[in-house]
Amino acid sequence: MSMLKWYQDTENQHDVFLASRIRLVRNLEHYPFPEKLSEEDSKELVGKLENGLQGIGEADGRSFLTVPLSSLDGVEKDALRERRAINGAGAEKKGSQSLLLSEDEAVSITLAGEDHLRIQCMSGRAELGKLWEEAGRLDDYVNERFDYAFHEKYGYLTAYPTNVGTGLRAAVTLHLPMLSAGKQFTKLVNEISRFGVTVRGIYGEGNENFGALYEVSNQKTLGVTEEEIIALVKQMADRLAASERKIKSLTLRNHRLDMEDEVYKSYGVLRYAKKLSLKEAMTYLSQVRAGEMEGLVQFKEPVNIYGLMMEIQPANMQCIAPEEDKNDLKKARASYIRKCLPELV
């Protein structure tokens, strides 16, 4: 039986917090940044890193797969991006980049992407401190074997100036269906960004954000310590979560039946629809998740709706869909949701 992915975990699900992420970027001394490397040098670098990091599972207690990203087609790379294992640049870049990926996909190390190394640790809980410890262990393991490009004054040197310093991005993913629907949301986001964090929608096109999923992360990496970054992101995520809960409890107190009605209608569509666009599916799943977290509906079996939201993204649907449905993702999506969404108690 294959191992559950980190986003399929149904234990300790939280009303607002969906996931947390720590990402470190590092480069080796004596090598130009990946953009400036010839194809030959890039291959040599990847080979060196893969060899040197063969035992990295020992540092982390996980088993890792080595995935040469050049061996994957565009859809497979996009699916990894949708599941957050690689970033957009990792999905688009051609060449000899490689990926060390833990079996549960919670840890991914991209080699020769935008930087020589991109170490990322993810969790379906709000635990930035724990992830930072884990990323630190992996970082130490690499650094014992390879010398990093490091400057006394500026810190870790990176391909993009925005990552220079600690090279750390701390991020928390939140589900904010009530807050994001309100008129004050943009004002609150702008206010929070003055503290040096950014709030962005995760899935959607243009200004739309399907499913009300938002990621809060730090903008600055220079002139601040790792601990300060983590404390700031946590503080701002807590602030957004508190606002979401406040609106939710007011709505439940004053409009409980309306909210229940929305949740049951959404569940009915998901349970019986024969075709679902991404926007429809994400909107209805978001409603049902909010209802489940408030006890308005109860499933017969546990399910992680955030995980389901990831799996129904276009590239993942292409990978999951049976051959006869690959040309009709709306049909495949509706069928997959019907299969995965449990009955109500």
C-alpha atoms as a PDB file:
ATOM      1  CA  MET A   1       0.000   0.000   0.000  1.00  0.00           C
ATOM      2  CA  SER A   2       1.416   3.396  -0.970  1.00  0.00           C
ATOM      3  CA  MET A   3       2.179   5.894   1.753  1.00  0.00           C
ATOM      4  CA  LEU A   4      -0.302   8.706   2.440  1.00  0.00           C
ATOM      5  CA  LYS A   5       0.828  12.133   1.261  1.00  0.00           C
ATOM      6  CA  TRP A   6       1.179  14.882   3.860  1.00  0.00           C
ATOM      7  CA  TYR A   7      -1.947  16.660   2.554  1.00  0.00           C
ATOM      8  CA  GLN A   8      -4.104  13.526   2.918  1.00  0.00           C
ATOM      9  CA  ASP A   9      -3.646  13.435   6.691  1.00  0.00           C
ATOM     10  CA  THR A  10      -7.084  13.574   8.346  1.00  0.00           C
ATOM     11  CA  GLU A  11      -5.873  13.881  11.950  1.00  0.00           C
ATOM     12  CA  ASN A  12      -5.594  17.239  13.719  1.00  0.00           C
ATOM     13  CA  GLN A  13      -7.372  19.192  11.005  1.00  0.00           C
ATOM     14  CA  HIS A  14      -7.822  22.813  11.965  1.00  0.00           C
ATOM     15  CA  ASP A  15     -10.649  25.222  11.188  1.00  0.00           C
ATOM     16  CA  VAL A  16      -8.487  27.932   9.594  1.00  0.00           C
ATOM     17  CA  PHE A  17      -4.916  26.606   9.321  1.00  0.00           C
ATOM     18  CA  LEU A  18      -4.405  24.214   6.407  1.00  0.00           C
ATOM     19  CA  ALA A  19      -0.649  23.940   6.004  1.00  0.00           C
ATOM     20  CA  SER A  20       2.705  25.426   6.878  1.00  0.00           C
ATOM     21  CA  ARG A  21       5.891  25.549   4.851  1.00  0.00           C
ATOM     22  CA  ILE A  22       9.547  26.381   5.344  1.00  0.00           C
ATOM     23  CA  ARG A  23      11.731  26.888   2.298  1.00  0.00           C
ATOM     24  CA  LEU A  24      15.484  27.546   2.216  1.00  0.00           C
ATOM     25  CA  VAL A  25      17.518  28.436  -0.879  1.00  0.00           C
ATOM     26  CA  ARG A  26      21.244  27.781  -0.974  1.00  0.00           C
ATOM     27  CA  ASN A  27      24.043  27.945  -3.529  1.00  0.00           C
ATOM     28  CA  LEU A  28      27.457  26.305  -3.595  1.00  0.00           C
ATOM     29  CA  GLU A  29      30.728  28.180  -3.594  1.00  0.00           C
ATOM     30  CA  HIS A  30      32.797  28.165  -6.791  1.00  0.00           C
ATOM     31  CA  TYR A  31      29.791  27.577  -9.057  1.00  0.00           C
ATOM     32  CA  PRO A  32      27.862  30.304 -10.919  1.00  0.00           C
ATOM     33  CA  PHE A  33      24.101  30.504 -10.288  1.00  0.00           C
ATOM     34  CA  PRO A  34      22.123  27.946 -12.360  1.00  0.00           C
ATOM     35  CA  GLU A  35      21.084  30.595 -14.927  1.00  0.00           C
ATOM     36  CA  LYS A  36      24.776  31.102 -15.805  1.00  0.00           C
ATOM     37  CA  LEU A  37      25.724  27.403 -15.887  1.00  0.00           C
ATOM     38  CA  SER A  38      26.260  25.607 -19.180  1.00  0.00           C
ATOM     39  CA  GLU A  39      24.187  22.446 -19.680  1.00  0.00           C
ATOM     40  CA  GLU A  40      27.334  20.379 -19.127  1.00  0.00           C
ATOM     41  CA  ASP A  41      28.282  22.126 -15.863  1.00  0.00           C
ATOM     42  CA  SER A  42      24.691  21.922 -14.680  1.00  0.00           C
ATOM     43  CA  LYS A  43      24.698  18.142 -15.234  1.00  0.00           C
ATOM     44  CA  GLU A  44      27.999  17.852 -13.369  1.00  0.00           C
ATOM     45  CA  LEU A  45      26.636  19.892 -10.439  1.00  0.00           C
ATOM     46  CA  VAL A  46      23.429  17.822 -10.230  1.00  0.00           C
ATOM     47  CA  GLY A  47      25.445  14.585 -10.357  1.00  0.00           C
ATOM     48  CA  LYS A  48      27.724  15.823  -7.570  1.00  0.00           C
ATOM     49  CA  LEU A  49      24.773  16.865  -5.391  1.00  0.00           C
ATOM     50  CA  GLU A  50      22.849  13.637  -5.986  1.00  0.00           C
ATOM     51  CA  ASN A  51      25.908  11.571  -5.045  1.00  0.00           C
ATOM     52  CA  GLY A  52      26.722  13.644  -1.978  1.00  0.00           C
ATOM     53  CA  LEU A  53      23.148  13.613  -0.722  1.00  0.00           C
ATOM     54  CA  GLN A  54      22.371   9.922  -1.199  1.00  0.00           C
ATOM     55  CA  GLY A  55      22.068   9.363   2.540  1.00  0.00           C
ATOM     56  CA  ILE A  56      20.006  12.472   3.300  1.00  0.00           C
ATOM     57  CA  GLY A  57      17.134  10.299   4.507  1.00  0.00           C
ATOM     58  CA  GLU A  58      19.262   9.474   7.576  1.00  0.00           C
ATOM     59  CA  ALA A  59      19.181  13.149   8.611  1.00  0.00           C
ATOM     60  CA  ASP A  60      15.422  13.171   8.341  1.00  0.00           C
ATOM     61  CA  GLY A  61      14.172   9.660   9.002  1.00  0.00           C
ATOM     62  CA  ARG A  62      12.402   9.576   5.622  1.00  0.00           C
ATOM     63  CA  SER A  63      13.011   7.704   2.403  1.00  0.00           C
ATOM     64  CA  PHE A  64      13.640   9.848  -0.655  1.00  0.00           C
ATOM     65  CA  LEU A  65      13.126   9.270  -4.360  1.00  0.00           C
ATOM     66  CA  THR A  66      15.389  10.936  -6.916  1.00  0.00           C
ATOM     67  CA  VAL A  67      13.297  12.351  -9.755  1.00  0.00           C
ATOM     68  CA  PRO A  68      15.148  13.846 -12.755  1.00  0.00           C
ATOM     69  CA  LEU A  69      12.696  16.622 -13.680  1.00  0.00           C
ATOM     70  CA  SER A  70      13.840  16.453 -17.312  1.00  0.00           C
ATOM     71  CA  SER A  71      12.336  12.932 -17.453  1.00  0.00           C
ATOM     72  CA  LEU A  72       8.851  14.286 -16.667  1.00  0.00           C
ATOM     73  CA  ASP A  73       6.470  15.831 -19.168  1.00  0.00           C
ATOM     74  CA  GLY A  74       4.850  19.244 -18.653  1.00  0.00           C
ATOM     75  CA  VAL A  75       1.682  17.811 -17.102  1.00  0.00           C
ATOM     76  CA  GLU A  76       3.616  15.740 -14.535  1.00  0.00           C
ATOM     77  CA  LYS A  77       5.712  18.770 -13.568  1.00  0.00           C
ATOM     78  CA  ASP A  78       2.593  20.927 -13.297  1.00  0.00           C
ATOM     79  CA  ALA A  79       0.991  18.288 -11.060  1.00  0.00           C
ATOM     80  CA  LEU A  80       3.993  18.490  -8.704  1.00  0.00           C
ATOM     81  CA  ARG A  81       3.630  22.291  -8.693  1.00  0.00           C
ATOM     82  CA  GLU A  82      -0.103  22.046  -7.864  1.00  0.00           C
ATOM     83  CA  ARG A  83       0.771  19.739  -4.954  1.00  0.00           C
ATOM     84  CA  ARG A  84       3.358  22.340  -3.855  1.00  0.00           C
ATOM     85  CA  ALA A  85       6.371  19.987  -4.235  1.00  0.00           C
ATOM     86  CA  ILE A  86       8.089  22.341  -6.697  1.00  0.00           C
ATOM     87  CA  ASN A  87       7.514  26.015  -7.497  1.00  0.00           C
ATOM     88  CA  GLY A  88       6.408  27.593 -10.787  1.00  0.00           C
ATOM     89  CA  ALA A  89       9.983  28.137 -11.965  1.00  0.00           C
ATOM     90  CA  GLY A  90      10.757  24.482 -11.218  1.00  0.00           C
ATOM     91  CA  ALA A  91       7.824  23.404 -13.385  1.00  0.00           C
ATOM     92  CA  GLU A  92       8.773  25.662 -16.301  1.00  0.00           C
ATOM     93  CA  LYS A  93      12.548  25.319 -16.344  1.00  0.00           C
ATOM     94  CA  LYS A  94      14.111  23.003 -18.909  1.00  0.00           C
ATOM     95  CA  GLY A  95      17.481  21.334 -18.400  1.00  0.00           C
ATOM     96  CA  SER A  96      19.102  18.929 -16.004  1.00  0.00           C
ATOM     97  CA  GLN A  97      17.419  19.945 -12.744  1.00  0.00           C
ATOM     98  CA  SER A  98      16.544  17.146 -10.372  1.00  0.00           C
ATOM     99  CA  LEU A  99      14.260  16.608  -7.381  1.00  0.00           C
ATOM    100  CA  LEU A 100      14.806  14.667  -4.166  1.00  0.00           C
ATOM    101  CA  LEU A 101      11.302  13.961  -2.916  1.00  0.00           C
ATOM    102  CA  SER A 102      10.246  12.208   0.276  1.00  0.00           C
ATOM    103  CA  GLU A 103       7.655   9.466  -0.122  1.00  0.00           C
ATOM    104  CA  ASP A 104       4.943  11.516   1.604  1.00  0.00           C
ATOM    105  CA  GLU A 105       5.974  14.604  -0.455  1.00  0.00           C
ATOM    106  CA  ALA A 106       6.413  16.609   2.774  1.00  0.00           C
ATOM    107  CA  VAL A 107      10.083  17.271   1.974  1.00  0.00           C
ATOM    108  CA  SER A 108      11.397  18.255  -1.435  1.00  0.00           C
ATOM    109  CA  ILE A 109      14.877  19.356  -2.439  1.00  0.00           C
ATOM    110  CA  THR A 110      15.148  20.849  -5.926  1.00  0.00           C
ATOM    111  CA  LEU A 111      18.651  20.705  -7.408  1.00  0.00           C
ATOM    112  CA  ALA A 112      19.777  23.273 -10.030  1.00  0.00           C
ATOM    113  CA  GLY A 113      16.430  25.064 -10.276  1.00  0.00           C
ATOM    114  CA  GLU A 114      16.623  28.856  -9.801  1.00  0.00           C
ATOM    115  CA  ASP A 115      19.274  28.207  -7.130  1.00  0.00           C
ATOM    116  CA  HIS A 116      21.579  25.217  -6.637  1.00  0.00           C
ATOM    117  CA  LEU A 117      19.377  23.921  -3.811  1.00  0.00           C
ATOM    118  CA  ARG A 118      15.825  24.642  -2.744  1.00  0.00           C
ATOM    119  CA  ILE A 119      15.004  22.791   0.483  1.00  0.00           C
ATOM    120  CA  GLN A 120      11.319  22.717   1.377  1.00  0.00           C
ATOM    121  CA  CYS A 121       9.456  21.145   4.298  1.00  0.00           C
ATOM    122  CA  MET A 122       5.638  21.081   4.398  1.00  0.00           C
ATOM    123  CA  SER A 123       3.035  20.050   6.949  1.00  0.00           C
ATOM    124  CA  GLY A 124      -0.754  19.921   7.147  1.00  0.00           C
ATOM    125  CA  ARG A 125      -0.583  21.656  10.541  1.00  0.00           C
ATOM    126  CA  ALA A 126       0.466  25.068  11.818  1.00  0.00           C
ATOM    127  CA  GLU A 127       3.958  24.123  12.977  1.00  0.00           C
ATOM    128  CA  LEU A 128       6.541  26.476  11.508  1.00  0.00           C
ATOM    129  CA  GLY A 129       8.931  25.925  14.448  1.00  0.00           C
ATOM    130  CA  LYS A 130       9.013  22.175  13.926  1.00  0.00           C
ATOM    131  CA  LEU A 131       9.484  22.567  10.159  1.00  0.00           C
ATOM    132  CA  TRP A 132      12.307  25.050  10.725  1.00  0.00           C
ATOM    133  CA  GLU A 133      14.102  22.459  12.911  1.00  0.00           C
ATOM    134  CA  GLU A 134      13.662  19.837  10.195  1.00  0.00           C
ATOM    135  CA  ALA A 135      14.864  22.167   7.417  1.00  0.00           C
ATOM    136  CA  GLY A 136      17.825  23.099   9.630  1.00  0.00           C
ATOM    137  CA  ARG A 137      18.836  19.429   9.990  1.00  0.00           C
ATOM    138  CA  LEU A 138      18.696  18.936   6.218  1.00  0.00           C
ATOM    139  CA  ASP A 139      20.590  22.201   5.662  1.00  0.00           C
ATOM    140  CA  ASP A 140      23.343  21.085   8.074  1.00  0.00           C
ATOM    141  CA  TYR A 141      23.569  17.721   6.318  1.00  0.00           C
ATOM    142  CA  VAL A 142      24.139  19.445   2.967  1.00  0.00           C
ATOM    143  CA  ASN A 143      26.567  21.993   4.420  1.00  0.00           C
ATOM    144  CA  GLU A 144      28.716  19.261   5.990  1.00  0.00           C
ATOM    145  CA  ARG A 145      29.301  17.935   2.471  1.00  0.00           C
ATOM    146  CA  PHE A 146      29.303  21.117   0.378  1.00  0.00           C
ATOM    147  CA  ASP A 147      30.513  24.682   1.006  1.00  0.00           C
ATOM    148  CA  TYR A 148      27.807  27.314   0.631  1.00  0.00           C
ATOM    149  CA  ALA A 149      28.197  30.717  -1.041  1.00  0.00           C
ATOM    150  CA  PHE A 150      28.059  32.923   2.049  1.00  0.00           C
ATOM    151  CA  HIS A 151      28.996  36.569   2.630  1.00  0.00           C
ATOM    152  CA  GLU A 152      29.951  37.881   6.081  1.00  0.00           C
ATOM    153  CA  LYS A 153      27.806  40.999   5.696  1.00  0.00           C
ATOM    154  CA  TYR A 154      24.912  39.822   3.496  1.00  0.00           C
ATOM    155  CA  GLY A 155      24.487  36.184   4.505  1.00  0.00           C
ATOM    156  CA  TYR A 156      23.560  33.429   2.011  1.00  0.00           C
ATOM    157  CA  LEU A 157      23.984  34.502  -1.610  1.00  0.00           C
ATOM    158  CA  THR A 158      21.054  33.677  -3.884  1.00  0.00           C
ATOM    159  CA  ALA A 159      20.036  34.022  -7.518  1.00  0.00           C
ATOM    160  CA  TYR A 160      17.300  36.542  -6.607  1.00  0.00           C
ATOM    161  CA  PRO A 161      18.151  39.550  -4.393  1.00  0.00           C
ATOM    162  CA  THR A 162      14.848  39.048  -2.484  1.00  0.00           C
ATOM    163  CA  ASN A 163      16.224  35.796  -1.016  1.00  0.00           C
ATOM    164  CA  VAL A 164      19.659  37.087   0.034  1.00  0.00           C
ATOM    165  CA  GLY A 165      20.314  36.902   3.785  1.00  0.00           C
ATOM    166  CA  THR A 166      18.680  33.957   5.495  1.00  0.00           C
ATOM    167  CA  GLY A 167      17.335  32.483   2.224  1.00  0.00           C
ATOM    168  CA  LEU A 168      14.272  31.572   4.297  1.00  0.00           C
ATOM    169  CA  ARG A 169      10.633  31.750   3.328  1.00  0.00           C
ATOM    170  CA  ALA A 170       8.170  30.838   6.071  1.00  0.00           C
ATOM    171  CA  ALA A 171       4.567  30.437   4.940  1.00  0.00           C
ATOM    172  CA  VAL A 172       1.209  29.450   6.391  1.00  0.00           C
ATOM    173  CA  THR A 173      -1.820  28.465   4.286  1.00  0.00           C
ATOM    174  CA  LEU A 174      -5.193  29.603   5.613  1.00  0.00           C
ATOM    175  CA  HIS A 175      -8.809  28.928   4.665  1.00  0.00           C
ATOM    176  CA  LEU A 176     -10.613  32.288   4.838  1.00  0.00           C
ATOM    177  CA  PRO A 177     -14.052  31.870   3.216  1.00  0.00           C
ATOM    178  CA  MET A 178     -15.876  34.397   5.407  1.00  0.00           C
ATOM    179  CA  LEU A 179     -13.157  37.006   5.746  1.00  0.00           C
ATOM    180  CA  SER A 180     -12.206  37.073   2.054  1.00  0.00           C
ATOM    181  CA  ALA A 181     -15.863  37.570   1.040  1.00  0.00           C
ATOM    182  CA  GLY A 182     -16.089  40.784   3.089  1.00  0.00           C
ATOM    183  CA  LYS A 183     -15.451  44.365   1.958  1.00  0.00           C
ATOM    184  CA  GLN A 184     -12.706  44.939   4.557  1.00  0.00           C
ATOM    185  CA  PHE A 185     -10.479  42.086   3.384  1.00  0.00           C
ATOM    186  CA  THR A 186      -8.352  44.083   0.914  1.00  0.00           C
ATOM    187  CA  LYS A 187      -7.819  46.799   3.512  1.00  0.00           C
ATOM    188  CA  LEU A 188      -6.735  44.211   6.112  1.00  0.00           C
ATOM    189  CA  VAL A 189      -4.317  42.553   3.656  1.00  0.00           C
ATOM    190  CA  ASN A 190      -2.767  45.930   2.784  1.00  0.00           C
ATOM    191  CA  GLU A 191      -2.413  46.742   6.476  1.00  0.00           C
ATOM    192  CA  ILE A 192      -0.694  43.432   7.176  1.00  0.00           C
ATOM    193  CA  SER A 193       1.682  43.845   4.221  1.00  0.00           C
ATOM    194  CA  ARG A 194       3.121  46.956   5.890  1.00  0.00           C
ATOM    195  CA  PHE A 195       4.696  44.615   8.466  1.00  0.00           C
ATOM    196  CA  GLY A 196       6.699  42.869   5.729  1.00  0.00           C
ATOM    197  CA  VAL A 197       4.488  39.902   4.934  1.00  0.00           C
ATOM    198  CA  THR A 198       2.595  39.103   1.773  1.00  0.00           C
ATOM    199  CA  VAL A 199      -0.863  37.470   1.516  1.00  0.00           C
ATOM    200  CA  ARG A 200      -1.711  35.814  -1.783  1.00  0.00           C
ATOM    201  CA  GLY A 201      -4.394  33.554  -3.154  1.00  0.00           C
ATOM    202  CA  ILE A 202      -3.125  30.085  -4.010  1.00  0.00           C
ATOM    203  CA  TYR A 203      -5.420  28.769  -6.731  1.00  0.00           C
ATOM    204  CA  GLY A 204      -7.232  30.816  -9.329  1.00  0.00           C
ATOM    205  CA  GLU A 205      -6.897  32.989 -12.404  1.00  0.00           C
ATOM    206  CA  GLY A 206      -6.452  36.758 -12.521  1.00  0.00           C
ATOM    207  CA  ASN A 207      -7.998  38.376  -9.472  1.00  0.00           C
ATOM    208  CA  GLU A 208     -10.084  35.337  -8.589  1.00  0.00           C
ATOM    209  CA  ASN A 209      -9.021  32.950  -5.869  1.00  0.00           C
ATOM    210  CA  PHE A 210     -10.927  29.695  -6.051  1.00  0.00           C
ATOM    211  CA  GLY A 211     -11.667  28.097  -2.698  1.00  0.00           C
ATOM    212  CA  ALA A 212     -10.615  31.025  -0.464  1.00  0.00           C
ATOM    213  CA  LEU A 213      -7.134  29.554   0.190  1.00  0.00           C
ATOM    214  CA  TYR A 214      -4.475  32.117   1.087  1.00  0.00           C
ATOM    215  CA  GLU A 215      -0.776  31.900   1.869  1.00  0.00           C
ATOM    216  CA  VAL A 216       0.870  34.315   4.311  1.00  0.00           C
ATOM    217  CA  SER A 217       4.658  34.577   3.942  1.00  0.00           C
ATOM    218  CA  ASN A 218       7.570  36.909   4.697  1.00  0.00           C
ATOM    219  CA  GLN A 219       8.836  39.415   2.133  1.00  0.00           C
ATOM    220  CA  LYS A 220      12.185  40.178   3.773  1.00  0.00           C
ATOM    221  CA  THR A 221      15.052  37.740   4.264  1.00  0.00           C
ATOM    222  CA  LEU A 222      17.866  40.255   4.794  1.00  0.00           C
ATOM    223  CA  GLY A 223      18.634  41.951   8.110  1.00  0.00           C
ATOM    224  CA  VAL A 224      16.303  39.705  10.119  1.00  0.00           C
ATOM    225  CA  THR A 225      16.934  36.402  11.872  1.00  0.00           C
ATOM    226  CA  GLU A 226      15.168  33.162  11.008  1.00  0.00           C
ATOM    227  CA  GLU A 227      13.379  33.242  14.373  1.00  0.00           C
ATOM    228  CA  GLU A 228      12.119  36.789  13.730  1.00  0.00           C
ATOM    229  CA  ILE A 229      10.779  35.785  10.308  1.00  0.00           C
ATOM    230  CA  ILE A 230       8.920  32.784  11.743  1.00  0.00           C
ATOM    231  CA  ALA A 231       7.483  34.804  14.648  1.00  0.00           C
ATOM    232  CA  LEU A 232       6.255  37.534  12.265  1.00  0.00           C
ATOM    233  CA  VAL A 233       4.554  35.132   9.829  1.00  0.00           C
ATOM    234  CA  LYS A 234       2.955  33.250  12.707  1.00  0.00           C
ATOM    235  CA  GLN A 235       1.701  36.480  14.295  1.00  0.00           C
ATOM    236  CA  MET A 236       0.127  37.746  11.044  1.00  0.00           C
ATOM    237  CA  ALA A 237      -1.422  34.348  10.247  1.00  0.00           C
ATOM    238  CA  ASP A 238      -2.913  34.269  13.772  1.00  0.00           C
ATOM    239  CA  ARG A 239      -4.338  37.740  13.206  1.00  0.00           C
ATOM    240  CA  LEU A 240      -6.086  36.706   9.972  1.00  0.00           C
ATOM    241  CA  ALA A 241      -7.339  33.493  11.607  1.00  0.00           C
ATOM    242  CA  ALA A 242      -8.806  35.466  14.532  1.00  0.00           C
ATOM    243  CA  SER A 243     -10.641  37.788  12.105  1.00  0.00           C
ATOM    244  CA  GLU A 244     -12.031  34.801  10.184  1.00  0.00           C
ATOM    245  CA  ARG A 245     -13.277  33.169  13.390  1.00  0.00           C
ATOM    246  CA  LYS A 246     -14.897  36.380  14.584  1.00  0.00           C
ATOM    247  CA  ILE A 247     -16.922  36.778  11.366  1.00  0.00           C
ATOM    248  CA  LYS A 248     -17.788  33.069  11.368  1.00  0.00           C
ATOM    249  CA  SER A 249     -19.154  33.119  14.905  1.00  0.00           C
ATOM    250  CA  LEU A 250     -21.236  36.252  14.150  1.00  0.00           C
ATOM    251  CA  THR A 251     -22.644  34.615  11.003  1.00  0.00           C
ATOM    252  CA  LEU A 252     -23.444  31.417  12.884  1.00  0.00           C
ATOM    253  CA  ARG A 253     -25.190  33.370  15.602  1.00  0.00           C
ATOM    254  CA  ASN A 254     -27.281  35.533  13.271  1.00  0.00           C
ATOM    255  CA  HIS A 255     -27.636  33.481  10.079  1.00  0.00           C
ATOM    256  CA  ARG A 256     -27.085  29.862  11.070  1.00  0.00           C
ATOM    257  CA  LEU A 257     -29.859  28.437   8.879  1.00  0.00           C
ATOM    258  CA  ASP A 258     -28.638  30.352   5.801  1.00  0.00           C
ATOM    259  CA  MET A 259     -25.124  29.040   6.353  1.00  0.00           C
ATOM    260  CA  GLU A 260     -26.387  25.488   6.841  1.00  0.00           C
ATOM    261  CA  ASP A 261     -28.456  25.801   3.679  1.00  0.00           C
ATOM    262  CA  GLU A 262     -25.377  26.900   1.668  1.00  0.00           C
ATOM    263  CA  VAL A 263     -23.317  23.998   3.033  1.00  0.00           C
ATOM    264  CA  TYR A 264     -25.963  21.352   2.275  1.00  0.00           C
ATOM    265  CA  LYS A 265     -26.592  22.745  -1.230  1.00  0.00           C
ATOM    266  CA  SER A 266     -22.844  22.690  -1.933  1.00  0.00           C
ATOM    267  CA  TYR A 267     -22.578  19.131  -0.649  1.00  0.00           C
ATOM    268  CA  GLY A 268     -25.550  18.089  -2.815  1.00  0.00           C
ATOM    269  CA  VAL A 269     -23.927  19.484  -5.971  1.00  0.00           C
ATOM    270  CA  LEU A 270     -20.568  17.821  -5.196  1.00  0.00           C
ATOM    271  CA  ARG A 271     -22.277  14.526  -4.415  1.00  0.00           C
ATOM    272  CA  TYR A 272     -24.420  14.328  -7.554  1.00  0.00           C
ATOM    273  CA  ALA A 273     -22.965  16.578 -10.279  1.00  0.00           C
ATOM    274  CA  LYS A 274     -21.792  14.837 -13.446  1.00  0.00           C
ATOM    275  CA  LYS A 275     -19.513  17.706 -14.510  1.00  0.00           C
ATOM    276  CA  LEU A 276     -17.653  20.295 -12.428  1.00  0.00           C
ATOM    277  CA  SER A 277     -15.402  23.155 -13.492  1.00  0.00           C
ATOM    278  CA  LEU A 278     -12.433  23.893 -11.250  1.00  0.00           C
ATOM    279  CA  LYS A 279     -14.061  27.099  -9.988  1.00  0.00           C
ATOM    280  CA  GLU A 280     -17.338  25.324  -9.120  1.00  0.00           C
ATOM    281  CA  ALA A 281     -15.614  22.413  -7.383  1.00  0.00           C
ATOM    282  CA  MET A 282     -13.308  24.673  -5.347  1.00  0.00           C
ATOM    283  CA  THR A 283     -16.156  26.984  -4.317  1.00  0.00           C
ATOM    284  CA  TYR A 284     -18.418  24.133  -3.167  1.00  0.00           C
ATOM    285  CA  LEU A 285     -15.589  22.256  -1.419  1.00  0.00           C
ATOM    286  CA  SER A 286     -14.674  25.473   0.402  1.00  0.00           C
ATOM    287  CA  GLN A 287     -18.283  25.832   1.622  1.00  0.00           C
ATOM    288  CA  VAL A 288     -18.468  22.195   2.737  1.00  0.00           C
ATOM    289  CA  ARG A 289     -15.133  22.425   4.546  1.00  0.00           C
ATOM    290  CA  ALA A 290     -16.269  25.524   6.441  1.00  0.00           C
ATOM    291  CA  GLY A 291     -19.493  23.689   7.365  1.00  0.00           C
ATOM    292  CA  GLU A 292     -17.649  20.602   8.561  1.00  0.00           C
ATOM    293  CA  MET A 293     -15.257  22.634  10.703  1.00  0.00           C
ATOM    294  CA  GLU A 294     -18.219  24.357  12.386  1.00  0.00           C
ATOM    295  CA  GLY A 295     -20.064  21.095  12.953  1.00  0.00           C
ATOM    296  CA  LEU A 296     -22.883  21.955  10.518  1.00  0.00           C
ATOM    297  CA  VAL A 297     -22.245  18.694   8.637  1.00  0.00           C
ATOM    298  CA  GLN A 298     -20.518  15.517   9.729  1.00  0.00           C
ATOM    299  CA  PHE A 299     -18.989  12.881   7.453  1.00  0.00           C
ATOM    300  CA  LYS A 300     -19.273   9.147   8.057  1.00  0.00           C
ATOM    301  CA  GLU A 301     -15.534   8.800   7.365  1.00  0.00           C
ATOM    302  CA  PRO A 302     -12.682  11.279   7.778  1.00  0.00           C
ATOM    303  CA  VAL A 303     -11.598  13.240   4.705  1.00  0.00           C
ATOM    304  CA  ASN A 304      -9.079  16.029   4.157  1.00  0.00           C
ATOM    305  CA  ILE A 305     -10.866  18.488   1.881  1.00  0.00           C
ATOM    306  CA  TYR A 306      -7.726  20.605   1.404  1.00  0.00           C
ATOM    307  CA  GLY A 307      -5.986  17.512   0.005  1.00  0.00           C
ATOM    308  CA  LEU A 308      -8.933  16.944  -2.303  1.00  0.00           C
ATOM    309  CA  MET A 309      -8.697  20.572  -3.465  1.00  0.00           C
ATOM    310  CA  MET A 310      -5.096  19.916  -4.505  1.00  0.00           C
ATOM    311  CA  GLU A 311      -5.879  16.690  -6.307  1.00  0.00           C
ATOM    312  CA  ILE A 312      -8.628  18.194  -8.490  1.00  0.00           C
ATOM    313  CA  GLN A 313      -6.349  20.858 -10.005  1.00  0.00           C
ATOM    314  CA  PRO A 314      -6.048  20.505 -13.833  1.00  0.00           C
ATOM    315  CA  ALA A 315      -2.665  18.754 -14.135  1.00  0.00           C
ATOM    316  CA  ASN A 316      -3.390  16.363 -11.254  1.00  0.00           C
ATOM    317  CA  MET A 317      -6.745  15.513 -12.838  1.00  0.00           C
ATOM    318  CA  GLN A 318      -4.914  14.752 -16.100  1.00  0.00           C
ATOM    319  CA  CYS A 319      -2.719  12.293 -14.185  1.00  0.00           C
ATOM    320  CA  ILE A 320      -5.556  10.722 -12.150  1.00  0.00           C
ATOM    321  CA  ALA A 321      -8.333  10.586 -14.761  1.00  0.00           C
ATOM    322  CA  PRO A 322      -9.062   7.285 -16.510  1.00  0.00           C
ATOM    323  CA  GLU A 323      -7.980   7.283 -20.169  1.00  0.00           C
ATOM    324  CA  GLU A 324     -11.526   7.807 -21.507  1.00  0.00           C
ATOM    325  CA  ASP A 325     -12.012  10.971 -19.387  1.00  0.00           C
ATOM    326  CA  LYS A 326      -8.668  12.712 -20.021  1.00  0.00           C
ATOM    327  CA  ASN A 327     -10.311  14.935 -22.650  1.00  0.00           C
ATOM    328  CA  ASP A 328     -13.160  15.878 -20.330  1.00  0.00           C
ATOM    329  CA  LEU A 329     -11.664  17.058 -17.051  1.00  0.00           C
ATOM    330  CA  LYS A 330     -14.989  18.436 -15.809  1.00  0.00           C
ATOM    331  CA  LYS A 331     -16.474  14.957 -16.000  1.00  0.00           C
ATOM    332  CA  ALA A 332     -13.332  13.388 -14.453  1.00  0.00           C
ATOM    333  CA  ARG A 333     -13.331  15.957 -11.629  1.00  0.00           C
ATOM    334  CA  ALA A 334     -16.995  15.371 -10.730  1.00  0.00           C
ATOM    335  CA  SER A 335     -16.460  11.611 -10.767  1.00  0.00           C
ATOM    336  CA  TYR A 336     -13.329  11.844  -8.579  1.00  0.00           C
ATOM    337  CA  ILE A 337     -15.092  14.034  -6.008  1.00  0.00           C
ATOM    338  CA  ARG A 338     -18.093  11.692  -5.879  1.00  0.00           C
ATOM    339  CA  LYS A 339     -15.675   8.841  -5.169  1.00  0.00           C
ATOM    340  CA  CYS A 340     -13.665  10.686  -2.474  1.00  0.00           C
ATOM    341  CA  LEU A 341     -16.331  12.670  -0.622  1.00  0.00           C
ATOM    342  CA  PRO A 342     -17.866  10.513   2.138  1.00  0.00           C
ATOM    343  CA  GLU A 343     -21.575  10.342   2.913  1.00  0.00           C
ATOM    344  CA  LEU A 344     -23.002  12.490   5.682  1.00  0.00           C
ATOM    345  CA  VAL A 345     -23.957  11.095   9.075  1.00  0.00           C
END
